[in-house]
């Protein structure tokens, strides 16, 4: 399995869609993935360690998995 990290989240100038840029950890290869605005915002909140007033969908799912021992 190839380990990747989030390099950045960008906005395409062609169509204003959000793109998350994944970078291979051990090399300079990149993988762009087009995502929706809600997904981009959720990723940005997590990357910037912003505190939100209520949990987002992925926070709730993560909490459930942790509680169930997954």
N, C-alpha and C. Protein backbone atom coordinates (compact mmCIF):
# COMPACT_ATOMS: atom_id res chain seq x y z
N UNK A 1 0.84 -1.17 0.00
CA UNK A 1 0.00 0.00 0.00
C UNK A 1 0.89 1.24 0.00
N UNK A 2 0.50 2.25 -0.75
CA UNK A 2 1.26 3.50 -0.85
C UNK A 2 0.66 4.51 0.13
N UNK A 3 1.50 5.03 1.02
CA UNK A 3 1.03 6.01 1.99
C UNK A 3 1.02 7.40 1.36
N UNK A 4 -0.08 8.11 1.56
CA UNK A 4 -0.22 9.46 1.01
C UNK A 4 -0.65 10.41 2.11
N UNK A 5 -0.36 11.70 1.90
CA UNK A 5 -0.76 12.75 2.83
C UNK A 5 -1.49 13.83 2.05
N UNK A 6 -2.31 14.59 2.75
CA UNK A 6 -3.00 15.71 2.09
C UNK A 6 -2.00 16.85 1.93
N UNK A 7 -1.71 17.21 0.71
CA UNK A 7 -0.77 18.28 0.41
C UNK A 7 -1.45 19.63 0.50
N UNK A 8 -2.65 19.71 -0.08
CA UNK A 8 -3.40 20.97 -0.04
C UNK A 8 -4.81 20.75 -0.56
N UNK A 9 -5.63 21.77 -0.35
CA UNK A 9 -6.96 21.83 -0.95
C UNK A 9 -6.96 23.09 -1.80
N UNK A 10 -7.34 22.94 -3.05
CA UNK A 10 -7.30 24.07 -3.98
C UNK A 10 -8.64 24.24 -4.68
N UNK A 11 -8.79 25.37 -5.33
CA UNK A 11 -9.98 25.64 -6.13
C UNK A 11 -9.54 25.72 -7.58
N UNK A 12 -10.16 24.92 -8.44
CA UNK A 12 -9.85 24.94 -9.87
C UNK A 12 -10.29 26.26 -10.47
N UNK A 13 -9.39 26.92 -11.18
CA UNK A 13 -9.73 28.19 -11.82
C UNK A 13 -10.60 28.00 -13.06
N UNK A 14 -10.64 26.78 -13.58
CA UNK A 14 -11.43 26.49 -14.77
C UNK A 14 -12.93 26.43 -14.45
N UNK A 15 -13.28 25.75 -13.34
CA UNK A 15 -14.70 25.53 -13.03
C UNK A 15 -15.04 25.80 -11.56
N UNK A 16 -14.09 26.31 -10.80
CA UNK A 16 -14.27 26.67 -9.39
C UNK A 16 -14.62 25.48 -8.49
N UNK A 17 -14.30 24.29 -8.94
CA UNK A 17 -14.51 23.11 -8.10
C UNK A 17 -13.31 22.93 -7.17
N UNK A 18 -13.57 22.30 -6.02
CA UNK A 18 -12.50 22.05 -5.06
C UNK A 18 -11.74 20.78 -5.44
N UNK A 19 -10.43 20.84 -5.21
CA UNK A 19 -9.57 19.70 -5.51
C UNK A 19 -8.68 19.46 -4.29
N UNK A 20 -8.70 18.24 -3.77
CA UNK A 20 -7.76 17.89 -2.71
C UNK A 20 -6.56 17.24 -3.40
N UNK A 21 -5.37 17.71 -3.06
CA UNK A 21 -4.14 17.21 -3.66
C UNK A 21 -3.48 16.27 -2.66
N UNK A 22 -3.41 14.99 -3.02
CA UNK A 22 -2.71 14.01 -2.20
C UNK A 22 -1.30 13.85 -2.72
N UNK A 23 -0.33 13.72 -1.81
CA UNK A 23 1.07 13.55 -2.19
C UNK A 23 1.56 12.23 -1.63
N UNK A 24 2.24 11.48 -2.47
CA UNK A 24 2.84 10.24 -2.01
C UNK A 24 3.92 10.60 -1.00
N UNK A 25 3.91 9.94 0.15
CA UNK A 25 4.79 10.31 1.25
C UNK A 25 6.27 10.14 0.91
N UNK A 26 6.60 9.13 0.16
CA UNK A 26 8.01 8.82 -0.12
C UNK A 26 8.51 9.33 -1.46
N UNK A 27 7.71 10.10 -2.20
CA UNK A 27 8.17 10.61 -3.50
C UNK A 27 7.44 11.90 -3.83
N UNK A 28 7.66 12.38 -5.03
CA UNK A 28 7.03 13.63 -5.48
C UNK A 28 5.87 13.36 -6.44
N UNK A 29 5.15 12.27 -6.24
CA UNK A 29 3.98 11.99 -7.06
C UNK A 29 2.73 12.52 -6.36
N UNK A 30 1.82 13.05 -7.17
CA UNK A 30 0.61 13.67 -6.63
C UNK A 30 -0.63 13.05 -7.25
N UNK A 31 -1.74 13.11 -6.50
CA UNK A 31 -3.01 12.61 -6.99
C UNK A 31 -4.09 13.64 -6.68
N UNK A 32 -4.61 14.32 -7.72
CA UNK A 32 -5.70 15.28 -7.48
C UNK A 32 -7.04 14.54 -7.44
N UNK A 33 -7.88 14.91 -6.48
CA UNK A 33 -9.22 14.33 -6.38
C UNK A 33 -10.21 15.48 -6.25
N UNK A 34 -11.14 15.56 -7.20
CA UNK A 34 -12.16 16.61 -7.16
C UNK A 34 -13.20 16.24 -6.13
N UNK A 35 -13.54 17.19 -5.26
CA UNK A 35 -14.50 16.96 -4.18
C UNK A 35 -15.49 18.12 -4.14
N UNK A 36 -16.55 17.94 -3.39
CA UNK A 36 -17.56 18.98 -3.25
C UNK A 36 -17.16 20.02 -2.21
N UNK A 37 -17.87 21.15 -2.20
CA UNK A 37 -17.56 22.22 -1.24
C UNK A 37 -17.69 21.78 0.22
N UNK A 38 -18.70 20.98 0.54
CA UNK A 38 -18.88 20.53 1.93
C UNK A 38 -17.72 19.65 2.38
N UNK A 39 -17.28 18.76 1.50
CA UNK A 39 -16.15 17.89 1.84
C UNK A 39 -14.87 18.70 1.99
N UNK A 40 -14.68 19.67 1.10
CA UNK A 40 -13.49 20.54 1.19
C UNK A 40 -13.48 21.32 2.50
N UNK A 41 -14.63 21.84 2.88
CA UNK A 41 -14.73 22.59 4.14
C UNK A 41 -14.44 21.69 5.34
N UNK A 42 -14.97 20.47 5.33
CA UNK A 42 -14.75 19.54 6.44
C UNK A 42 -13.27 19.18 6.57
N UNK A 43 -12.61 18.94 5.44
CA UNK A 43 -11.18 18.62 5.46
C UNK A 43 -10.38 19.82 5.95
N UNK A 44 -10.71 21.01 5.47
CA UNK A 44 -10.00 22.22 5.87
C UNK A 44 -10.14 22.48 7.37
N UNK A 45 -11.34 22.28 7.91
CA UNK A 45 -11.57 22.46 9.35
C UNK A 45 -10.64 21.54 10.14
N UNK A 46 -10.54 20.31 9.70
CA UNK A 46 -9.69 19.32 10.40
C UNK A 46 -8.21 19.68 10.27
N UNK A 47 -7.76 20.05 9.07
CA UNK A 47 -6.36 20.38 8.85
C UNK A 47 -5.93 21.62 9.63
N UNK A 48 -6.83 22.59 9.74
CA UNK A 48 -6.50 23.85 10.42
C UNK A 48 -6.82 23.80 11.91
N UNK A 49 -7.28 22.64 12.38
CA UNK A 49 -7.60 22.42 13.80
C UNK A 49 -8.57 23.48 14.34
N UNK A 50 -9.59 23.78 13.54
CA UNK A 50 -10.61 24.75 13.92
C UNK A 50 -11.63 24.05 14.83
N UNK A 51 -12.03 24.73 15.89
CA UNK A 51 -13.06 24.20 16.77
C UNK A 51 -14.43 24.63 16.25
N UNK A 52 -15.31 23.66 16.06
CA UNK A 52 -16.65 23.96 15.58
C UNK A 52 -17.65 23.75 16.72
N UNK A 53 -18.79 24.42 16.64
CA UNK A 53 -19.76 24.38 17.73
C UNK A 53 -20.46 23.03 17.87
N UNK A 54 -20.52 22.28 16.79
CA UNK A 54 -21.16 20.95 16.86
C UNK A 54 -20.36 20.00 15.98
N UNK A 55 -20.43 18.71 16.27
CA UNK A 55 -19.65 17.76 15.47
C UNK A 55 -20.15 17.68 14.03
N UNK A 56 -19.22 17.48 13.13
CA UNK A 56 -19.56 17.26 11.73
C UNK A 56 -19.86 15.77 11.54
N UNK A 57 -20.38 15.42 10.39
CA UNK A 57 -20.79 14.04 10.13
C UNK A 57 -19.66 13.05 10.37
N UNK A 58 -18.47 13.36 9.86
CA UNK A 58 -17.35 12.42 10.02
C UNK A 58 -16.91 12.32 11.48
N UNK A 59 -17.08 13.40 12.27
CA UNK A 59 -16.76 13.35 13.70
C UNK A 59 -17.68 12.37 14.42
N UNK A 60 -18.94 12.40 14.09
CA UNK A 60 -19.92 11.50 14.69
C UNK A 60 -19.61 10.05 14.34
N UNK A 61 -19.29 9.80 13.08
CA UNK A 61 -18.95 8.45 12.64
C UNK A 61 -17.69 7.95 13.35
N UNK A 62 -16.68 8.81 13.45
CA UNK A 62 -15.44 8.42 14.12
C UNK A 62 -15.70 8.09 15.59
N UNK A 63 -16.51 8.89 16.25
CA UNK A 63 -16.85 8.66 17.65
C UNK A 63 -17.56 7.31 17.82
N UNK A 64 -18.47 6.99 16.92
CA UNK A 64 -19.18 5.71 16.99
C UNK A 64 -18.23 4.54 16.81
N UNK A 65 -17.33 4.65 15.85
CA UNK A 65 -16.37 3.57 15.59
C UNK A 65 -15.46 3.38 16.80
N UNK A 66 -14.97 4.49 17.38
CA UNK A 66 -14.12 4.40 18.58
C UNK A 66 -14.87 3.77 19.75
N UNK A 67 -16.12 4.18 19.95
CA UNK A 67 -16.93 3.65 21.05
C UNK A 67 -17.17 2.15 20.90
N UNK A 68 -17.35 1.70 19.66
CA UNK A 68 -17.61 0.29 19.41
C UNK A 68 -16.34 -0.55 19.33
N UNK A 69 -15.18 0.10 19.52
CA UNK A 69 -13.92 -0.63 19.55
C UNK A 69 -13.34 -0.93 18.18
N UNK A 70 -13.75 -0.18 17.17
CA UNK A 70 -13.27 -0.40 15.80
C UNK A 70 -11.96 0.25 15.51
